[in-house]
Full PDB file with SEQRES, HELIX, SHEET, SSBOND, CRYST1, ORIGX, SCALE, CONECT and MASTER records, all heavy atoms in Angstrom:
SEQRES   1 A   35  ARG GLY TRP PRO GLY ASP ALA GLU LEU ALA ALA GLU LEU          
SEQRES   2 A   35  ALA ALA PRO ARG GLY PRO GLY SER GLY PRO TYR ARG THR          
SEQRES   3 A   35  LEU LEU PRO LEU PRO VAL ASP LEU GLY                          
HELIX    1 AA1 ASP A    6  ALA A   14  1                                   9    
HELIX    2 AA2 PRO A   23  THR A   26  5                                   4    
CRYST1    1.000    1.000    1.000  90.00  90.00  90.00 P 1           1          
ORIGX1      1.000000  0.000000  0.000000        0.00000                         
ORIGX2      0.000000  1.000000  0.000000        0.00000                         
ORIGX3      0.000000  0.000000  1.000000        0.00000                         
SCALE1      1.000000  0.000000  0.000000        0.00000                         
SCALE2      0.000000  1.000000  0.000000        0.00000                         
SCALE3      0.000000  0.000000  1.000000        0.00000                         
ATOM      1  N   ARG A   1      63.931  -5.360 282.306  1.00  0.00           N  
ATOM      2  CA  ARG A   1      62.649  -5.357 281.604  1.00  0.00           C  
ATOM      3  C   ARG A   1      62.554  -6.476 280.582  1.00  0.00           C  
ATOM      4  O   ARG A   1      61.572  -7.208 280.556  1.00  0.00           O  
ATOM      5  CB  ARG A   1      62.435  -3.988 280.938  1.00  0.00           C  
ATOM      6  CG  ARG A   1      61.068  -3.852 280.319  1.00  0.00           C  
ATOM      7  CD  ARG A   1      60.796  -2.462 279.868  1.00  0.00           C  
ATOM      8  NE  ARG A   1      61.501  -2.148 278.640  1.00  0.00           N  
ATOM      9  CZ  ARG A   1      61.303  -1.039 277.951  1.00  0.00           C  
ATOM     10  NH1 ARG A   1      60.447  -0.133 278.369  1.00  0.00           N  
ATOM     11  NH2 ARG A   1      61.974  -0.820 276.838  1.00  0.00           N  
ATOM     12  N   GLY A   2      63.532  -6.611 279.693  1.00  0.00           N  
ATOM     13  CA  GLY A   2      63.570  -7.710 278.732  1.00  0.00           C  
ATOM     14  C   GLY A   2      62.525  -7.689 277.642  1.00  0.00           C  
ATOM     15  O   GLY A   2      62.135  -8.737 277.139  1.00  0.00           O  
ATOM     16  N   TRP A   3      62.075  -6.534 277.209  1.00  0.00           N  
ATOM     17  CA  TRP A   3      61.119  -6.445 276.102  1.00  0.00           C  
ATOM     18  C   TRP A   3      61.844  -6.640 274.780  1.00  0.00           C  
ATOM     19  O   TRP A   3      63.071  -6.579 274.718  1.00  0.00           O  
ATOM     20  CB  TRP A   3      60.440  -5.084 276.096  1.00  0.00           C  
ATOM     21  CG  TRP A   3      59.442  -4.851 277.187  1.00  0.00           C  
ATOM     22  CD1 TRP A   3      59.105  -5.696 278.204  1.00  0.00           C  
ATOM     23  CD2 TRP A   3      58.666  -3.675 277.371  1.00  0.00           C  
ATOM     24  NE1 TRP A   3      58.166  -5.117 278.998  1.00  0.00           N  
ATOM     25  CE2 TRP A   3      57.864  -3.869 278.516  1.00  0.00           C  
ATOM     26  CE3 TRP A   3      58.558  -2.472 276.691  1.00  0.00           C  
ATOM     27  CZ2 TRP A   3      56.979  -2.915 278.978  1.00  0.00           C  
ATOM     28  CZ3 TRP A   3      57.675  -1.516 277.156  1.00  0.00           C  
ATOM     29  CH2 TRP A   3      56.891  -1.745 278.285  1.00  0.00           C  
ATOM     30  N   PRO A   4      61.100  -6.846 273.672  1.00  0.00           N  
ATOM     31  CA  PRO A   4      61.748  -6.949 272.361  1.00  0.00           C  
ATOM     32  C   PRO A   4      62.603  -5.707 272.096  1.00  0.00           C  
ATOM     33  O   PRO A   4      62.166  -4.584 272.338  1.00  0.00           O  
ATOM     34  CB  PRO A   4      60.573  -7.005 271.372  1.00  0.00           C  
ATOM     35  CG  PRO A   4      59.448  -7.549 272.177  1.00  0.00           C  
ATOM     36  CD  PRO A   4      59.639  -7.008 273.572  1.00  0.00           C  
ATOM     37  N   GLY A   5      63.818  -5.948 271.639  1.00  0.00           N  
ATOM     38  CA  GLY A   5      64.723  -4.856 271.322  1.00  0.00           C  
ATOM     39  C   GLY A   5      65.557  -4.366 272.492  1.00  0.00           C  
ATOM     40  O   GLY A   5      66.546  -3.663 272.293  1.00  0.00           O  
ATOM     41  N   ASP A   6      65.172  -4.734 273.717  1.00  0.00           N  
ATOM     42  CA  ASP A   6      65.927  -4.284 274.886  1.00  0.00           C  
ATOM     43  C   ASP A   6      67.327  -4.884 274.917  1.00  0.00           C  
ATOM     44  O   ASP A   6      68.302  -4.193 275.223  1.00  0.00           O  
ATOM     45  CB  ASP A   6      65.182  -4.605 276.182  1.00  0.00           C  
ATOM     46  CG  ASP A   6      63.986  -3.704 276.432  1.00  0.00           C  
ATOM     47  OD1 ASP A   6      63.767  -2.755 275.643  1.00  0.00           O  
ATOM     48  OD2 ASP A   6      63.267  -3.941 277.415  1.00  0.00           O  
ATOM     49  N   ALA A   7      67.452  -6.167 274.587  1.00  0.00           N  
ATOM     50  CA  ALA A   7      68.773  -6.818 274.593  1.00  0.00           C  
ATOM     51  C   ALA A   7      69.685  -6.187 273.544  1.00  0.00           C  
ATOM     52  O   ALA A   7      70.881  -5.988 273.794  1.00  0.00           O  
ATOM     53  CB  ALA A   7      68.638  -8.316 274.346  1.00  0.00           C  
ATOM     54  N   GLU A   8      69.136  -5.854 272.387  1.00  0.00           N  
ATOM     55  CA  GLU A   8      69.932  -5.245 271.326  1.00  0.00           C  
ATOM     56  C   GLU A   8      70.438  -3.865 271.748  1.00  0.00           C  
ATOM     57  O   GLU A   8      71.610  -3.535 271.542  1.00  0.00           O  
ATOM     58  CB  GLU A   8      69.112  -5.142 270.032  1.00  0.00           C  
ATOM     59  CG  GLU A   8      68.819  -6.474 269.378  1.00  0.00           C  
ATOM     60  CD  GLU A   8      67.664  -7.268 270.020  1.00  0.00           C  
ATOM     61  OE1 GLU A   8      66.995  -6.758 270.942  1.00  0.00           O  
ATOM     62  OE2 GLU A   8      67.462  -8.409 269.579  1.00  0.00           O  
ATOM     63  N   LEU A   9      69.565  -3.072 272.350  1.00  0.00           N  
ATOM     64  CA  LEU A   9      69.968  -1.740 272.802  1.00  0.00           C  
ATOM     65  C   LEU A   9      70.962  -1.848 273.957  1.00  0.00           C  
ATOM     66  O   LEU A   9      71.957  -1.126 273.989  1.00  0.00           O  
ATOM     67  CB  LEU A   9      68.746  -0.917 273.209  1.00  0.00           C  
ATOM     68  CG  LEU A   9      69.009   0.505 273.688  1.00  0.00           C  
ATOM     69  CD1 LEU A   9      69.823   1.305 272.677  1.00  0.00           C  
ATOM     70  CD2 LEU A   9      67.684   1.209 273.971  1.00  0.00           C  
ATOM     71  N   ALA A  10      70.732  -2.754 274.887  1.00  0.00           N  
ATOM     72  CA  ALA A  10      71.655  -2.944 276.007  1.00  0.00           C  
ATOM     73  C   ALA A  10      73.036  -3.363 275.500  1.00  0.00           C  
ATOM     74  O   ALA A  10      74.063  -2.902 276.020  1.00  0.00           O  
ATOM     75  CB  ALA A  10      71.111  -3.982 276.984  1.00  0.00           C  
ATOM     76  N   ALA A  11      73.075  -4.205 274.474  1.00  0.00           N  
ATOM     77  CA  ALA A  11      74.359  -4.635 273.903  1.00  0.00           C  
ATOM     78  C   ALA A  11      75.103  -3.446 273.297  1.00  0.00           C  
ATOM     79  O   ALA A  11      76.320  -3.322 273.454  1.00  0.00           O  
ATOM     80  CB  ALA A  11      74.141  -5.714 272.845  1.00  0.00           C  
ATOM     81  N   GLU A  12      74.381  -2.574 272.630  1.00  0.00           N  
ATOM     82  CA  GLU A  12      75.039  -1.406 272.057  1.00  0.00           C  
ATOM     83  C   GLU A  12      75.522  -0.462 273.153  1.00  0.00           C  
ATOM     84  O   GLU A  12      76.614   0.101 273.067  1.00  0.00           O  
ATOM     85  CB  GLU A  12      74.122  -0.672 271.082  1.00  0.00           C  
ATOM     86  CG  GLU A  12      74.862   0.444 270.376  1.00  0.00           C  
ATOM     87  CD  GLU A  12      74.139   1.021 269.187  1.00  0.00           C  
ATOM     88  OE1 GLU A  12      72.969   0.693 268.956  1.00  0.00           O  
ATOM     89  OE2 GLU A  12      74.767   1.823 268.485  1.00  0.00           O  
ATOM     90  N   LEU A  13      74.732  -0.309 274.207  1.00  0.00           N  
ATOM     91  CA  LEU A  13      75.143   0.550 275.316  1.00  0.00           C  
ATOM     92  C   LEU A  13      76.362  -0.008 276.040  1.00  0.00           C  
ATOM     93  O   LEU A  13      77.159   0.746 276.590  1.00  0.00           O  
ATOM     94  CB  LEU A  13      73.985   0.723 276.304  1.00  0.00           C  
ATOM     95  CG  LEU A  13      72.823   1.590 275.811  1.00  0.00           C  
ATOM     96  CD1 LEU A  13      71.604   1.402 276.699  1.00  0.00           C  
ATOM     97  CD2 LEU A  13      73.239   3.049 275.735  1.00  0.00           C  
ATOM     98  N   ALA A  14      76.518  -1.322 276.030  1.00  0.00           N  
ATOM     99  CA  ALA A  14      77.647  -1.969 276.711  1.00  0.00           C  
ATOM    100  C   ALA A  14      78.884  -2.056 275.840  1.00  0.00           C  
ATOM    101  O   ALA A  14      79.973  -2.335 276.343  1.00  0.00           O  
ATOM    102  CB  ALA A  14      77.243  -3.370 277.160  1.00  0.00           C  
ATOM    103  N   ALA A  15      78.733  -1.853 274.541  1.00  0.00           N  
ATOM    104  CA  ALA A  15      79.851  -2.027 273.613  1.00  0.00           C  
ATOM    105  C   ALA A  15      80.958  -1.025 273.908  1.00  0.00           C  
ATOM    106  O   ALA A  15      80.679   0.141 274.177  1.00  0.00           O  
ATOM    107  CB  ALA A  15      79.363  -1.859 272.176  1.00  0.00           C  
ATOM    108  N   PRO A  16      82.196  -1.488 273.851  1.00  0.00           N  
ATOM    109  CA  PRO A  16      83.314  -0.554 274.000  1.00  0.00           C  
ATOM    110  C   PRO A  16      83.221   0.512 272.919  1.00  0.00           C  
ATOM    111  O   PRO A  16      82.780   0.235 271.808  1.00  0.00           O  
ATOM    112  CB  PRO A  16      84.550  -1.420 273.792  1.00  0.00           C  
ATOM    113  CG  PRO A  16      84.095  -2.821 273.921  1.00  0.00           C  
ATOM    114  CD  PRO A  16      82.639  -2.843 273.598  1.00  0.00           C  
ATOM    115  N   ARG A  17      83.611   1.708 273.254  1.00  0.00           N  
ATOM    116  CA  ARG A  17      83.525   2.812 272.293  1.00  0.00           C  
ATOM    117  C   ARG A  17      84.744   2.826 271.386  1.00  0.00           C  
ATOM    118  O   ARG A  17      85.821   2.403 271.757  1.00  0.00           O  
ATOM    119  CB  ARG A  17      83.404   4.151 273.037  1.00  0.00           C  
ATOM    120  CG  ARG A  17      82.150   4.237 273.857  1.00  0.00           C  
ATOM    121  CD  ARG A  17      80.923   4.134 272.972  1.00  0.00           C  
ATOM    122  NE  ARG A  17      79.791   3.664 273.752  1.00  0.00           N  
ATOM    123  CZ  ARG A  17      78.819   2.953 273.259  1.00  0.00           C  
ATOM    124  NH1 ARG A  17      78.815   2.604 272.020  1.00  0.00           N  
ATOM    125  NH2 ARG A  17      77.826   2.573 274.003  1.00  0.00           N  
ATOM    126  N   GLY A  18      84.523   3.307 270.213  1.00  0.00           N  
ATOM    127  CA  GLY A  18      85.599   3.390 269.237  1.00  0.00           C  
ATOM    128  C   GLY A  18      85.154   2.748 267.949  1.00  0.00           C  
ATOM    129  O   GLY A  18      84.230   1.942 267.942  1.00  0.00           O  
ATOM    130  N   PRO A  19      85.784   3.096 266.848  1.00  0.00           N  
ATOM    131  CA  PRO A  19      85.377   2.563 265.550  1.00  0.00           C  
ATOM    132  C   PRO A  19      85.463   1.041 265.507  1.00  0.00           C  
ATOM    133  O   PRO A  19      86.490   0.466 265.840  1.00  0.00           O  
ATOM    134  CB  PRO A  19      86.377   3.185 264.573  1.00  0.00           C  
ATOM    135  CG  PRO A  19      87.004   4.324 265.311  1.00  0.00           C  
ATOM    136  CD  PRO A  19      86.899   4.008 266.773  1.00  0.00           C  
ATOM    137  N   GLY A  20      84.365   0.423 265.169  1.00  0.00           N  
ATOM    138  CA  GLY A  20      84.335  -1.021 264.990  1.00  0.00           C  
ATOM    139  C   GLY A  20      84.471  -1.831 266.252  1.00  0.00           C  
ATOM    140  O   GLY A  20      84.731  -3.019 266.196  1.00  0.00           O  
ATOM    141  N   SER A  21      84.278  -1.222 267.414  1.00  0.00           N  
ATOM    142  CA  SER A  21      84.464  -1.939 268.677  1.00  0.00           C  
ATOM    143  C   SER A  21      83.243  -2.758 269.052  1.00  0.00           C  
ATOM    144  O   SER A  21      82.120  -2.341 268.814  1.00  0.00           O  
ATOM    145  CB  SER A  21      84.727  -0.945 269.810  1.00  0.00           C  
ATOM    146  OG  SER A  21      85.902  -0.247 269.576  1.00  0.00           O  
ATOM    147  N   GLY A  22      83.491  -3.890 269.680  1.00  0.00           N  
ATOM    148  CA  GLY A  22      82.420  -4.690 270.267  1.00  0.00           C  
ATOM    149  C   GLY A  22      81.615  -5.467 269.253  1.00  0.00           C  
ATOM    150  O   GLY A  22      81.575  -5.132 268.076  1.00  0.00           O  
ATOM    151  N   PRO A  23      80.937  -6.540 269.719  1.00  0.00           N  
ATOM    152  CA  PRO A  23      80.170  -7.391 268.810  1.00  0.00           C  
ATOM    153  C   PRO A  23      78.982  -6.673 268.183  1.00  0.00           C  
ATOM    154  O   PRO A  23      78.609  -6.970 267.057  1.00  0.00           O  
ATOM    155  CB  PRO A  23      79.722  -8.551 269.701  1.00  0.00           C  
ATOM    156  CG  PRO A  23      79.801  -8.030 271.086  1.00  0.00           C  
ATOM    157  CD  PRO A  23      80.895  -6.998 271.092  1.00  0.00           C  
ATOM    158  N   TYR A  24      78.369  -5.727 268.901  1.00  0.00           N  
ATOM    159  CA  TYR A  24      77.211  -5.036 268.343  1.00  0.00           C  
ATOM    160  C   TYR A  24      77.623  -4.167 267.167  1.00  0.00           C  
ATOM    161  O   TYR A  24      76.852  -3.915 266.266  1.00  0.00           O  
ATOM    162  CB  TYR A  24      76.516  -4.200 269.420  1.00  0.00           C  
ATOM    163  CG  TYR A  24      75.144  -3.742 268.998  1.00  0.00           C  
ATOM    164  CD1 TYR A  24      74.059  -4.609 269.020  1.00  0.00           C  
ATOM    165  CD2 TYR A  24      74.927  -2.456 268.534  1.00  0.00           C  
ATOM    166  CE1 TYR A  24      72.803  -4.205 268.613  1.00  0.00           C  
ATOM    167  CE2 TYR A  24      73.674  -2.041 268.130  1.00  0.00           C  
ATOM    168  CZ  TYR A  24      72.618  -2.925 268.178  1.00  0.00           C  
ATOM    169  OH  TYR A  24      71.373  -2.528 267.768  1.00  0.00           O  
ATOM    170  N   ARG A  25      78.863  -3.745 267.145  1.00  0.00           N  
ATOM    171  CA  ARG A  25      79.348  -2.878 266.078  1.00  0.00           C  
ATOM    172  C   ARG A  25      79.480  -3.614 264.749  1.00  0.00           C  
ATOM    173  O   ARG A  25      79.747  -2.997 263.735  1.00  0.00           O  
ATOM    174  CB  ARG A  25      80.690  -2.254 266.465  1.00  0.00           C  
ATOM    175  CG  ARG A  25      80.587  -1.307 267.626  1.00  0.00           C  
ATOM    176  CD  ARG A  25      79.825  -0.096 267.207  1.00  0.00           C  
ATOM    177  NE  ARG A  25      79.691   0.808 268.351  1.00  0.00           N  
ATOM    178  CZ  ARG A  25      78.864   1.809 268.376  1.00  0.00           C  
ATOM    179  NH1 ARG A  25      78.094   2.059 267.367  1.00  0.00           N  
ATOM    180  NH2 ARG A  25      78.785   2.579 269.427  1.00  0.00           N  
ATOM    181  N   THR A  26      79.332  -4.932 264.743  1.00  0.00           N  
ATOM    182  CA  THR A  26      79.364  -5.651 263.472  1.00  0.00           C  
ATOM    183  C   THR A  26      78.098  -5.389 262.671  1.00  0.00           C  
ATOM    184  O   THR A  26      78.063  -5.656 261.477  1.00  0.00           O  
ATOM    185  CB  THR A  26      79.548  -7.163 263.677  1.00  0.00           C  
ATOM    186  OG1 THR A  26      78.449  -7.664 264.433  1.00  0.00           O  
ATOM    187  CG2 THR A  26      80.857  -7.459 264.392  1.00  0.00           C  
ATOM    188  N   LEU A  27      77.055  -4.873 263.330  1.00  0.00           N  
ATOM    189  CA  LEU A  27      75.839  -4.490 262.618  1.00  0.00           C  
ATOM    190  C   LEU A  27      76.102  -3.188 261.877  1.00  0.00           C  
ATOM    191  O   LEU A  27      76.737  -2.275 262.407  1.00  0.00           O  
ATOM    192  CB  LEU A  27      74.673  -4.320 263.598  1.00  0.00           C  
ATOM    193  CG  LEU A  27      74.263  -5.560 264.381  1.00  0.00           C  
ATOM    194  CD1 LEU A  27      73.145  -5.219 265.356  1.00  0.00           C  
ATOM    195  CD2 LEU A  27      73.852  -6.681 263.459  1.00  0.00           C  
ATOM    196  N   LEU A  28      75.614  -3.094 260.670  1.00  0.00           N  
ATOM    197  CA  LEU A  28      75.832  -1.902 259.861  1.00  0.00           C  
ATOM    198  C   LEU A  28      74.957  -0.753 260.350  1.00  0.00           C  
ATOM    199  O   LEU A  28      73.757  -0.949 260.603  1.00  0.00           O  
ATOM    200  CB  LEU A  28      75.510  -2.205 258.399  1.00  0.00           C  
ATOM    201  CG  LEU A  28      76.374  -3.272 257.740  1.00  0.00           C  
ATOM    202  CD1 LEU A  28      75.826  -3.630 256.378  1.00  0.00           C  
ATOM    203  CD2 LEU A  28      77.813  -2.798 257.658  1.00  0.00           C  
ATOM    204  N   PRO A  29      75.511   0.445 260.462  1.00  0.00           N  
ATOM    205  CA  PRO A  29      74.707   1.591 260.887  1.00  0.00           C  
ATOM    206  C   PRO A  29      73.757   2.035 259.772  1.00  0.00           C  
ATOM    207  O   PRO A  29      74.141   2.047 258.594  1.00  0.00           O  
ATOM    208  CB  PRO A  29      75.749   2.665 261.197  1.00  0.00           C  
ATOM    209  CG  PRO A  29      76.932   2.303 260.373  1.00  0.00           C  
ATOM    210  CD  PRO A  29      76.912   0.800 260.252  1.00  0.00           C  
ATOM    211  N   LEU A  30      72.538   2.368 260.148  1.00  0.00           N  
ATOM    212  CA  LEU A  30      71.549   2.828 259.174  1.00  0.00           C  
ATOM    213  C   LEU A  30      70.744   3.958 259.805  1.00  0.00           C  
ATOM    214  O   LEU A  30      70.155   3.766 260.878  1.00  0.00           O  
ATOM    215  CB  LEU A  30      70.622   1.671 258.774  1.00  0.00           C  
ATOM    216  CG  LEU A  30      69.588   1.961 257.695  1.00  0.00           C  
ATOM    217  CD1 LEU A  30      70.260   2.290 256.361  1.00  0.00           C  
ATOM    218  CD2 LEU A  30      68.657   0.768 257.525  1.00  0.00           C  
ATOM    219  N   PRO A  31      70.708   5.135 259.177  1.00  0.00           N  
ATOM    220  CA  PRO A  31      69.949   6.264 259.730  1.00  0.00           C  
ATOM    221  C   PRO A  31      68.453   6.068 259.503  1.00  0.00           C  
ATOM    222  O   PRO A  31      67.893   6.504 258.498  1.00  0.00           O  
ATOM    223  CB  PRO A  31      70.489   7.469 258.959  1.00  0.00           C  
ATOM    224  CG  PRO A  31      70.912   6.901 257.644  1.00  0.00           C  
ATOM    225  CD  PRO A  31      71.386   5.498 257.945  1.00  0.00           C  
ATOM    226  N   VAL A  32      67.802   5.406 260.433  1.00  0.00           N  
ATOM    227  CA  VAL A  32      66.404   5.021 260.253  1.00  0.00           C  
ATOM    228  C   VAL A  32      65.577   5.464 261.453  1.00  0.00           C  
ATOM    229  O   VAL A  32      66.069   5.523 262.578  1.00  0.00           O  
ATOM    230  CB  VAL A  32      66.300   3.490 260.030  1.00  0.00           C  
ATOM    231  CG1 VAL A  32      66.768   2.715 261.230  1.00  0.00           C  
ATOM    232  CG2 VAL A  32      64.905   3.073 259.633  1.00  0.00           C  
ATOM    233  N   ASP A  33      64.335   5.795 261.195  1.00  0.00           N  
ATOM    234  CA  ASP A  33      63.378   6.158 262.234  1.00  0.00           C  
ATOM    235  C   ASP A  33      62.687   4.870 262.683  1.00  0.00           C  
ATOM    236  O   ASP A  33      61.926   4.272 261.921  1.00  0.00           O  
ATOM    237  CB  ASP A  33      62.372   7.155 261.659  1.00  0.00           C  
ATOM    238  CG  ASP A  33      61.293   7.571 262.636  1.00  0.00           C  
ATOM    239  OD1 ASP A  33      61.143   6.939 263.701  1.00  0.00           O  
ATOM    240  OD2 ASP A  33      60.580   8.541 262.319  1.00  0.00           O  
ATOM    241  N   LEU A  34      62.956   4.444 263.910  1.00  0.00           N  
ATOM    242  CA  LEU A  34      62.369   3.198 264.412  1.00  0.00           C  
ATOM    243  C   LEU A  34      60.845   3.269 264.474  1.00  0.00           C  
ATOM    244  O   LEU A  34      60.166   2.266 264.293  1.00  0.00           O  
ATOM    245  CB  LEU A  34      62.936   2.854 265.786  1.00  0.00           C  
ATOM    246  CG  LEU A  34      64.389   2.407 265.807  1.00  0.00           C  
ATOM    247  CD1 LEU A  34      64.879   2.212 267.237  1.00  0.00           C  
ATOM    248  CD2 LEU A  34      64.580   1.141 265.003  1.00  0.00           C  
ATOM    249  N   GLY A  35      60.311   4.447 264.719  1.00  0.00           N  
ATOM    250  CA  GLY A  35      58.854   4.602 264.726  1.00  0.00           C  
ATOM    251  C   GLY A  35      58.257   4.326 263.357  1.00  0.00           C  
ATOM    252  O   GLY A  35      57.203   3.694 263.238  1.00  0.00           O  
TER     253      GLY A  35                                                      
MASTER        0    0    0    2    0    0    0    6  252    1    0    3          
END                                                                             
């Protein structure tokens, strides 16, 4: 699809699991409502 935000979500879905794993995990977690 390639819409805005799709690449970011796909990167997180592809990231290896575990604390601090993968390049997407360098982003700080924030409990936010995207809507």
